[in-house]
PDB file of N, CA and C in Angstrom:
ATOM      1  N   UNK A   1       0.818  -1.188   0.000  1.00  0.00           N
ATOM      2  CA  UNK A   1       0.000   0.000   0.000  1.00  0.00           C
ATOM      3  C   UNK A   1       0.866   1.258   0.000  1.00  0.00           C
ATOM      4  N   UNK A   2       2.025   1.183   0.647  1.00  0.00           N
ATOM      5  CA  UNK A   2       2.908   2.341   0.719  1.00  0.00           C
ATOM      6  C   UNK A   2       3.397   2.785  -0.639  1.00  0.00           C
ATOM      7  N   UNK A   3       3.697   1.823  -1.511  1.00  0.00           N
ATOM      8  CA  UNK A   3       4.172   2.174  -2.853  1.00  0.00           C
ATOM      9  C   UNK A   3       3.069   2.828  -3.686  1.00  0.00           C
ATOM     10  N   UNK A   4       1.864   2.373  -3.497  1.00  0.00           N
ATOM     11  CA  UNK A   4       0.741   2.974  -4.211  1.00  0.00           C
ATOM     12  C   UNK A   4       0.546   4.423  -3.784  1.00  0.00           C
ATOM     13  N   UNK A   5       0.575   4.655  -2.482  1.00  0.00           N
ATOM     14  CA  UNK A   5       0.409   6.021  -1.987  1.00  0.00           C
ATOM     15  C   UNK A   5       1.589   6.902  -2.381  1.00  0.00           C
ATOM     16  N   UNK A   6       2.795   6.334  -2.432  1.00  0.00           N
ATOM     17  CA  UNK A   6       3.958   7.092  -2.886  1.00  0.00           C
ATOM     18  C   UNK A   6       3.796   7.468  -4.358  1.00  0.00           C
ATOM     19  N   UNK A   7       3.270   6.560  -5.158  1.00  0.00           N
ATOM     20  CA  UNK A   7       3.041   6.843  -6.570  1.00  0.00           C
ATOM     21  C   UNK A   7       1.995   7.939  -6.748  1.00  0.00           C
ATOM     22  N   UNK A   8       0.909   7.849  -6.013  1.00  0.00           N
ATOM     23  CA  UNK A   8      -0.143   8.867  -6.100  1.00  0.00           C
ATOM     24  C   UNK A   8       0.381  10.217  -5.617  1.00  0.00           C
ATOM     25  N   UNK A   9       1.115  10.209  -4.522  1.00  0.00           N
ATOM     26  CA  UNK A   9       1.689  11.443  -4.002  1.00  0.00           C
ATOM     27  C   UNK A   9       2.693  12.061  -4.961  1.00  0.00           C
ATOM     28  N   UNK A  10       3.518  11.232  -5.594  1.00  0.00           N
ATOM     29  CA  UNK A  10       4.496  11.768  -6.544  1.00  0.00           C
ATOM     30  C   UNK A  10       3.819  12.339  -7.778  1.00  0.00           C
ATOM     31  N   UNK A  11       2.744  11.718  -8.210  1.00  0.00           N
ATOM     32  CA  UNK A  11       2.008  12.242  -9.358  1.00  0.00           C
ATOM     33  C   UNK A  11       1.394  13.600  -9.043  1.00  0.00           C
ATOM     34  N   UNK A  12       0.757  13.691  -7.906  1.00  0.00           N
ATOM     35  CA  UNK A  12       0.129  14.958  -7.510  1.00  0.00           C
ATOM     36  C   UNK A  12       1.184  16.026  -7.253  1.00  0.00           C
ATOM     37  N   UNK A  13       2.252  15.659  -6.536  1.00  0.00           N
ATOM     38  CA  UNK A  13       3.316  16.614  -6.249  1.00  0.00           C
ATOM     39  C   UNK A  13       4.018  17.103  -7.507  1.00  0.00           C
ATOM     40  N   UNK A  14       4.254  16.198  -8.446  1.00  0.00           N
ATOM     41  CA  UNK A  14       4.882  16.588  -9.703  1.00  0.00           C
ATOM     42  C   UNK A  14       4.002  17.521 -10.518  1.00  0.00           C
ATOM     43  N   UNK A  15       2.712  17.250 -10.533  1.00  0.00           N
ATOM     44  CA  UNK A  15       1.792  18.116 -11.264  1.00  0.00           C
ATOM     45  C   UNK A  15       1.742  19.508 -10.651  1.00  0.00           C
ATOM     46  N   UNK A  16       1.672  19.569  -9.332  1.00  0.00           N
ATOM     47  CA  UNK A  16       1.632  20.866  -8.657  1.00  0.00           C
ATOM     48  C   UNK A  16       2.928  21.629  -8.912  1.00  0.00           C
ATOM     49  N   UNK A  17       4.053  20.932  -8.831  1.00  0.00           N
ATOM     50  CA  UNK A  17       5.335  21.575  -9.096  1.00  0.00           C
ATOM     51  C   UNK A  17       5.435  22.101 -10.518  1.00  0.00           C
ATOM     52  N   UNK A  18       4.955  21.334 -11.472  1.00  0.00           N
ATOM     53  CA  UNK A  18       4.980  21.777 -12.860  1.00  0.00           C
ATOM     54  C   UNK A  18       4.092  23.003 -13.048  1.00  0.00           C
ATOM     55  N   UNK A  19       2.942  22.983 -12.426  1.00  0.00           N
ATOM     56  CA  UNK A  19       2.003  24.105 -12.524  1.00  0.00           C
ATOM     57  C   UNK A  19       2.614  25.379 -11.948  1.00  0.00           C
ATOM     58  N   UNK A  20       3.352  25.246 -10.850  1.00  0.00           N
ATOM     59  CA  UNK A  20       3.979  26.414 -10.231  1.00  0.00           C
ATOM     60  C   UNK A  20       5.146  26.929 -11.075  1.00  0.00           C
ATOM     61  N   UNK A  21       5.941  26.027 -11.620  1.00  0.00           N
ATOM     62  CA  UNK A  21       7.142  26.435 -12.347  1.00  0.00           C
ATOM     63  C   UNK A  21       6.940  26.773 -13.805  1.00  0.00           C
ATOM     64  N   UNK A  22       5.848  26.351 -14.413  1.00  0.00           N
ATOM     65  CA  UNK A  22       5.636  26.545 -15.847  1.00  0.00           C
ATOM     66  C   UNK A  22       5.599  28.004 -16.292  1.00  0.00           C
ATOM     67  N   UNK A  23       5.030  28.931 -15.525  1.00  0.00           N
ATOM     68  CA  UNK A  23       5.045  30.318 -15.998  1.00  0.00           C
ATOM     69  C   UNK A  23       6.448  30.898 -16.148  1.00  0.00           C
ATOM     70  N   UNK A  24       7.422  30.376 -15.414  1.00  0.00           N
ATOM     71  CA  UNK A  24       8.789  30.896 -15.488  1.00  0.00           C
ATOM     72  C   UNK A  24       9.508  30.344 -16.712  1.00  0.00           C
ATOM     73  N   UNK A  25       9.384  29.049 -16.953  1.00  0.00           N
ATOM     74  CA  UNK A  25      10.045  28.430 -18.104  1.00  0.00           C
ATOM     75  C   UNK A  25      10.061  26.923 -17.959  1.00  0.00           C
ATOM     76  N   UNK A  26      10.511  26.270 -19.018  1.00  0.00           N
ATOM     77  CA  UNK A  26      10.498  24.813 -19.062  1.00  0.00           C
ATOM     78  C   UNK A  26      11.444  24.207 -18.026  1.00  0.00           C
ATOM     79  N   UNK A  27      12.658  24.708 -17.960  1.00  0.00           N
ATOM     80  CA  UNK A  27      13.642  24.151 -17.037  1.00  0.00           C
ATOM     81  C   UNK A  27      13.212  24.355 -15.586  1.00  0.00           C
ATOM     82  N   UNK A  28      12.690  25.518 -15.283  1.00  0.00           N
ATOM     83  CA  UNK A  28      12.201  25.775 -13.930  1.00  0.00           C
ATOM     84  C   UNK A  28      11.034  24.855 -13.608  1.00  0.00           C
ATOM     85  N   UNK A  29      10.148  24.658 -14.563  1.00  0.00           N
ATOM     86  CA  UNK A  29       9.014  23.754 -14.351  1.00  0.00           C
ATOM     87  C   UNK A  29       9.504  22.342 -14.072  1.00  0.00           C
ATOM     88  N   UNK A  30      10.528  21.904 -14.796  1.00  0.00           N
ATOM     89  CA  UNK A  30      11.073  20.562 -14.598  1.00  0.00           C
ATOM     90  C   UNK A  30      11.686  20.414 -13.212  1.00  0.00           C
ATOM     91  N   UNK A  31      12.487  21.392 -12.814  1.00  0.00           N
ATOM     92  CA  UNK A  31      13.158  21.318 -11.515  1.00  0.00           C
ATOM     93  C   UNK A  31      12.142  21.356 -10.374  1.00  0.00           C
ATOM     94  N   UNK A  32      11.195  22.280 -10.439  1.00  0.00           N
ATOM     95  CA  UNK A  32      10.187  22.376  -9.380  1.00  0.00           C
ATOM     96  C   UNK A  32       9.307  21.129  -9.373  1.00  0.00           C
ATOM     97  N   UNK A  33       9.064  20.552 -10.540  1.00  0.00           N
ATOM     98  CA  UNK A  33       8.291  19.322 -10.616  1.00  0.00           C
ATOM     99  C   UNK A  33       9.016  18.165  -9.936  1.00  0.00           C
ATOM    100  N   UNK A  34      10.329  18.086 -10.097  1.00  0.00           N
ATOM    101  CA  UNK A  34      11.092  17.027  -9.443  1.00  0.00           C
ATOM    102  C   UNK A  34      11.085  17.198  -7.923  1.00  0.00           C
ATOM    103  N   UNK A  35      11.176  18.438  -7.466  1.00  0.00           N
ATOM    104  CA  UNK A  35      11.084  18.696  -6.028  1.00  0.00           C
ATOM    105  C   UNK A  35       9.695  18.297  -5.523  1.00  0.00           C
ATOM    106  N   UNK A  36       8.667  18.676  -6.266  1.00  0.00           N
ATOM    107  CA  UNK A  36       7.299  18.307  -5.897  1.00  0.00           C
ATOM    108  C   UNK A  36       7.086  16.807  -5.899  1.00  0.00           C
ATOM    109  N   UNK A  37       7.723  16.113  -6.828  1.00  0.00           N
ATOM    110  CA  UNK A  37       7.622  14.658  -6.880  1.00  0.00           C
ATOM    111  C   UNK A  37       8.214  14.031  -5.626  1.00  0.00           C
ATOM    112  N   UNK A  38       9.384  14.513  -5.229  1.00  0.00           N
ATOM    113  CA  UNK A  38      10.014  13.989  -4.015  1.00  0.00           C
ATOM    114  C   UNK A  38       9.194  14.252  -2.775  1.00  0.00           C
ATOM    115  N   UNK A  39       8.672  15.456  -2.665  1.00  0.00           N
ATOM    116  CA  UNK A  39       7.833  15.800  -1.508  1.00  0.00           C
ATOM    117  C   UNK A  39       6.568  14.954  -1.510  1.00  0.00           C
ATOM    118  N   UNK A  40       5.961  14.780  -2.686  1.00  0.00           N
ATOM    119  CA  UNK A  40       4.755  13.960  -2.781  1.00  0.00           C
ATOM    120  C   UNK A  40       5.006  12.507  -2.421  1.00  0.00           C
ATOM    121  N   UNK A  41       6.172  11.968  -2.827  1.00  0.00           N
ATOM    122  CA  UNK A  41       6.510  10.593  -2.468  1.00  0.00           C
ATOM    123  C   UNK A  41       6.651  10.459  -0.951  1.00  0.00           C
ATOM    124  N   UNK A  42       7.321  11.424  -0.351  1.00  0.00           N
ATOM    125  CA  UNK A  42       7.529  11.377   1.099  1.00  0.00           C
ATOM    126  C   UNK A  42       6.193  11.403   1.837  1.00  0.00           C
ATOM    127  N   UNK A  43       5.364  12.360   1.500  1.00  0.00           N
ATOM    128  CA  UNK A  43       4.089  12.477   2.216  1.00  0.00           C
ATOM    129  C   UNK A  43       3.125  11.353   1.862  1.00  0.00           C
ATOM    130  N   UNK A  44       3.236  10.796   0.678  1.00  0.00           N
ATOM    131  CA  UNK A  44       2.436   9.621   0.348  1.00  0.00           C
ATOM    132  C   UNK A  44       2.780   8.439   1.238  1.00  0.00           C
ATOM    133  N   UNK A  45       4.084   8.247   1.465  1.00  0.00           N
ATOM    134  CA  UNK A  45       4.501   7.160   2.356  1.00  0.00           C
ATOM    135  C   UNK A  45       4.099   7.430   3.803  1.00  0.00           C
ATOM    136  N   UNK A  46       4.166   8.702   4.221  1.00  0.00           N
ATOM    137  CA  UNK A  46       3.767   9.053   5.586  1.00  0.00           C
ATOM    138  C   UNK A  46       2.283   8.787   5.788  1.00  0.00           C
ATOM    139  N   UNK A  47       1.482   9.167   4.811  1.00  0.00           N
ATOM    140  CA  UNK A  47       0.037   8.923   4.913  1.00  0.00           C
ATOM    141  C   UNK A  47      -0.247   7.427   4.974  1.00  0.00           C
ATOM    142  N   UNK A  48       0.427   6.663   4.118  1.00  0.00           N
ATOM    143  CA  UNK A  48       0.212   5.211   4.134  1.00  0.00           C
ATOM    144  C   UNK A  48       0.641   4.591   5.453  1.00  0.00           C
ATOM    145  N   UNK A  49       1.739   5.070   6.016  1.00  0.00           N
ATOM    146  CA  UNK A  49       2.226   4.498   7.273  1.00  0.00           C
ATOM    147  C   UNK A  49       1.315   4.857   8.445  1.00  0.00           C
ATOM    148  N   UNK A  50       0.816   6.085   8.469  1.00  0.00           N
ATOM    149  CA  UNK A  50       0.029   6.538   9.616  1.00  0.00           C
ATOM    150  C   UNK A  50      -1.443   6.143   9.573  1.00  0.00           C
ATOM    151  N   UNK A  51      -2.007   6.043   8.393  1.00  0.00           N
ATOM    152  CA  UNK A  51      -3.445   5.837   8.309  1.00  0.00           C
ATOM    153  C   UNK A  51      -3.858   4.474   7.774  1.00  0.00           C
ATOM    154  N   UNK A  52      -2.976   3.780   7.123  1.00  0.00           N
ATOM    155  CA  UNK A  52      -3.295   2.452   6.617  1.00  0.00           C
ATOM    156  C   UNK A  52      -2.496   1.448   7.435  1.00  0.00           C
ATOM    157  N   UNK A  53      -3.173   0.640   8.203  1.00  0.00           N
ATOM    158  CA  UNK A  53      -2.482  -0.312   9.071  1.00  0.00           C
ATOM    159  C   UNK A  53      -2.737  -1.721   8.630  1.00  0.00           C
TER     160      UNK A  53
END
């Protein structure tokens, strides 16, 4: 279950990061998207660990 939530979190985080960085430029959108992906993976795993037993 943790991997599923990490995947969902990374997808959402990457999309949010791309949305934030896209007005600046492609490279900025890519970098912010990667940061968002990492944050989403982390919080996806935290949610799975804390709420799914």
